[in-house]
Amino acid sequence: MTSSASAAEIWRPHVTVACVVADGDRYLMVEEEVGGRLVYNQPAGHLDDHESLASAAVRETLEETGWTVALTDLIGVHQWRSTEHGDGVVRFSFAARALSHDPRRPLDTGIHRALWLTRGEIAALGERVRSPLVLLSIDAWLAGQRLPLSCVASLLPEPPAP
């Protein structure tokens, strides 16, 4: 590509984050409505401008489930072409530990509920699992794949605490 290429010609994938939050053999999941159908996903979402990957993962988990979590590891970075919208996705999957839950916190638009499911229960959902990245992340975590959080260091200033 030449330097005269316009911004519209530059391909940009969706950058997303997700958290694998385990409690024994159960994983924190969200039931959400996407395109008129009910699907299941880990707490996940898009990286916002001026936000670190770690902050985005913690924020998305809180907004979608009411759970405050602490990230423990990076599980992996996965690339996929969404069958939902056809765009490329680069997903940073984190392992996180649940700290506290606020059951009164309103959940993001489209999220029906947060629930805890075993890997077998998630696999049994079949086509209702939002993407193959859900089980890929859980399986990588189960296989012991752990990278230090420093692998995704941010040079952005952290926003002030509310």
Protein backbone atom coordinates (compact mmCIF):
# COMPACT_ATOMS: atom_id res chain seq x y z
CA MET A 1 0.00 0.00 0.00
CA THR A 2 1.29 3.46 -0.80
CA SER A 3 1.46 6.28 1.71
CA SER A 4 -1.22 8.11 -0.27
CA ALA A 5 -3.83 5.44 0.59
CA SER A 6 -6.84 6.89 2.35
CA ALA A 7 -7.90 5.81 5.82
CA ALA A 8 -10.95 4.11 4.27
CA GLU A 9 -8.63 1.74 2.39
CA ILE A 10 -6.80 0.56 5.51
CA TRP A 11 -8.19 -2.71 6.84
CA ARG A 12 -8.79 -2.76 10.60
CA PRO A 13 -10.00 -5.78 12.53
CA HIS A 14 -12.35 -5.52 15.50
CA VAL A 15 -10.19 -5.64 18.64
CA THR A 16 -12.05 -7.46 21.39
CA VAL A 17 -11.36 -8.73 24.89
CA ALA A 18 -12.87 -11.60 26.85
CA CYS A 19 -12.51 -13.12 30.30
CA VAL A 20 -12.47 -16.77 31.28
CA VAL A 21 -13.65 -16.64 34.88
CA ALA A 22 -13.66 -20.07 36.53
CA ASP A 23 -15.32 -21.20 39.74
CA GLY A 24 -14.37 -24.84 40.15
CA ASP A 25 -15.57 -26.52 36.95
CA ARG A 26 -18.00 -23.72 36.04
CA TYR A 27 -17.35 -20.67 33.87
CA LEU A 28 -18.98 -17.27 33.94
CA MET A 29 -21.04 -16.81 30.80
CA VAL A 30 -23.53 -14.32 29.44
CA GLU A 31 -26.78 -15.04 27.69
CA GLU A 32 -27.29 -12.28 25.16
CA GLU A 33 -29.51 -11.39 22.25
CA VAL A 34 -27.63 -10.85 19.00
CA GLY A 35 -29.43 -10.37 15.72
CA GLY A 36 -32.70 -11.59 17.21
CA ARG A 37 -31.30 -14.83 18.60
CA LEU A 38 -30.16 -15.88 22.06
CA VAL A 39 -26.46 -16.80 22.20
CA TYR A 40 -23.89 -17.55 24.89
CA ASN A 41 -20.50 -15.94 25.27
CA GLN A 42 -17.88 -15.18 27.84
CA PRO A 43 -18.04 -11.66 29.19
CA ALA A 44 -16.51 -9.91 26.17
CA GLY A 45 -16.58 -6.76 24.12
CA HIS A 46 -14.73 -4.18 22.11
CA LEU A 47 -11.70 -2.20 23.12
CA ASP A 48 -12.59 1.49 23.48
CA ASP A 49 -10.33 4.29 22.28
CA HIS A 50 -7.82 5.41 24.96
CA GLU A 51 -8.40 2.19 26.95
CA SER A 52 -5.90 -0.52 27.83
CA LEU A 53 -6.71 -4.12 26.96
CA ALA A 54 -6.68 -5.05 30.66
CA SER A 55 -9.06 -2.23 31.60
CA ALA A 56 -11.39 -3.19 28.76
CA ALA A 57 -11.56 -6.82 29.92
CA VAL A 58 -12.38 -5.83 33.51
CA ARG A 59 -14.92 -3.21 32.36
CA GLU A 60 -16.71 -5.54 29.95
CA THR A 61 -17.00 -8.26 32.61
CA LEU A 62 -18.52 -5.83 35.09
CA GLU A 63 -20.91 -4.30 32.53
CA GLU A 64 -22.13 -7.66 31.23
CA THR A 65 -22.29 -9.69 34.46
CA GLY A 66 -22.15 -7.44 37.52
CA TRP A 67 -18.95 -9.25 38.59
CA THR A 68 -15.81 -7.35 39.52
CA VAL A 69 -12.78 -9.42 38.52
CA ALA A 70 -9.01 -9.31 38.78
CA LEU A 71 -7.07 -10.45 35.74
CA THR A 72 -4.53 -13.16 36.47
CA ASP A 73 -3.09 -14.13 33.07
CA LEU A 74 -3.33 -13.68 29.34
CA ILE A 75 -4.61 -16.93 27.85
CA GLY A 76 -3.98 -16.03 24.23
CA VAL A 77 -4.60 -13.81 21.25
CA HIS A 78 -6.92 -15.32 18.66
CA GLN A 79 -7.77 -14.21 15.15
CA TRP A 80 -11.09 -15.10 13.54
CA ARG A 81 -13.45 -13.93 10.80
CA SER A 82 -16.88 -13.45 12.36
CA THR A 83 -19.72 -15.37 10.79
CA GLU A 84 -22.03 -12.83 12.44
CA HIS A 85 -20.82 -9.69 10.63
CA GLY A 86 -18.10 -10.99 8.31
CA ASP A 87 -15.35 -8.79 9.73
CA GLY A 88 -12.00 -9.86 11.11
CA VAL A 89 -11.70 -10.09 14.88
CA VAL A 90 -8.57 -10.12 17.04
CA ARG A 91 -9.52 -11.28 20.52
CA PHE A 92 -7.40 -11.03 23.65
CA SER A 93 -8.57 -13.73 26.07
CA PHE A 94 -7.73 -13.25 29.73
CA ALA A 95 -8.07 -15.47 32.79
CA ALA A 96 -9.68 -13.67 35.70
CA ARG A 97 -10.61 -14.32 39.32
CA ALA A 98 -14.04 -13.25 40.56
CA LEU A 99 -13.81 -10.75 43.43
CA SER A 100 -17.35 -9.57 44.11
CA HIS A 101 -20.81 -9.47 42.58
CA ASP A 102 -23.43 -6.72 42.49
CA PRO A 103 -26.72 -8.47 41.59
CA ARG A 104 -28.51 -5.10 41.41
CA ARG A 105 -26.21 -3.65 38.77
CA PRO A 106 -28.03 -3.20 35.43
CA LEU A 107 -26.44 -5.29 32.67
CA ASP A 108 -25.52 -4.00 29.21
CA THR A 109 -28.24 -3.70 26.58
CA GLY A 110 -28.90 -7.08 24.99
CA ILE A 111 -27.56 -9.09 27.95
CA HIS A 112 -30.33 -11.24 29.40
CA ARG A 113 -28.37 -12.71 32.30
CA ALA A 114 -25.06 -13.94 33.61
CA LEU A 115 -24.78 -17.61 34.49
CA TRP A 116 -22.21 -20.24 35.46
CA LEU A 117 -21.90 -23.29 33.18
CA THR A 118 -19.56 -26.26 32.94
CA ARG A 119 -17.51 -26.80 29.81
CA GLY A 120 -19.80 -29.70 28.90
CA GLU A 121 -22.90 -27.53 29.26
CA ILE A 122 -21.29 -24.85 27.07
CA ALA A 123 -20.32 -27.39 24.40
CA ALA A 124 -23.86 -28.82 24.46
CA LEU A 125 -25.21 -25.39 23.44
CA GLY A 126 -23.83 -26.06 19.95
CA GLU A 127 -24.78 -23.29 17.50
CA ARG A 128 -25.97 -21.11 20.38
CA VAL A 129 -22.35 -20.50 21.42
CA ARG A 130 -21.61 -17.08 19.91
CA SER A 131 -18.23 -18.00 18.41
CA PRO A 132 -15.66 -20.80 18.37
CA LEU A 133 -13.43 -18.50 20.44
CA VAL A 134 -15.49 -19.33 23.55
CA LEU A 135 -14.45 -22.99 23.78
CA LEU A 136 -11.02 -22.24 22.29
CA SER A 137 -10.30 -19.92 25.25
CA ILE A 138 -11.64 -22.35 27.84
CA ASP A 139 -9.71 -25.25 26.34
CA ALA A 140 -6.49 -23.22 26.26
CA TRP A 141 -7.05 -22.31 29.92
CA LEU A 142 -7.76 -25.94 30.82
CA ALA A 143 -4.56 -26.98 29.00
CA GLY A 144 -2.62 -24.62 31.27
CA GLN A 145 -1.89 -21.92 28.71
CA ARG A 146 -0.92 -18.87 30.77
CA LEU A 147 1.07 -15.83 29.71
CA PRO A 148 2.04 -12.98 32.02
CA LEU A 149 -0.16 -9.90 31.87
CA SER A 150 2.98 -7.92 31.00
CA CYS A 151 2.66 -9.42 27.49
CA VAL A 152 -0.04 -6.80 26.87
CA ALA A 153 1.57 -3.79 28.54
CA SER A 154 -0.07 -0.45 27.88
CA LEU A 155 1.63 2.90 27.51
CA LEU A 156 -1.71 4.69 27.90
CA PRO A 157 -2.30 6.64 31.07
CA GLU A 158 -4.91 4.98 33.30
CA PRO A 159 -8.04 7.09 33.70
CA PRO A 160 -8.65 8.58 37.16
CA ALA A 161 -10.74 6.48 39.54
CA PRO A 162 -14.41 7.54 39.70
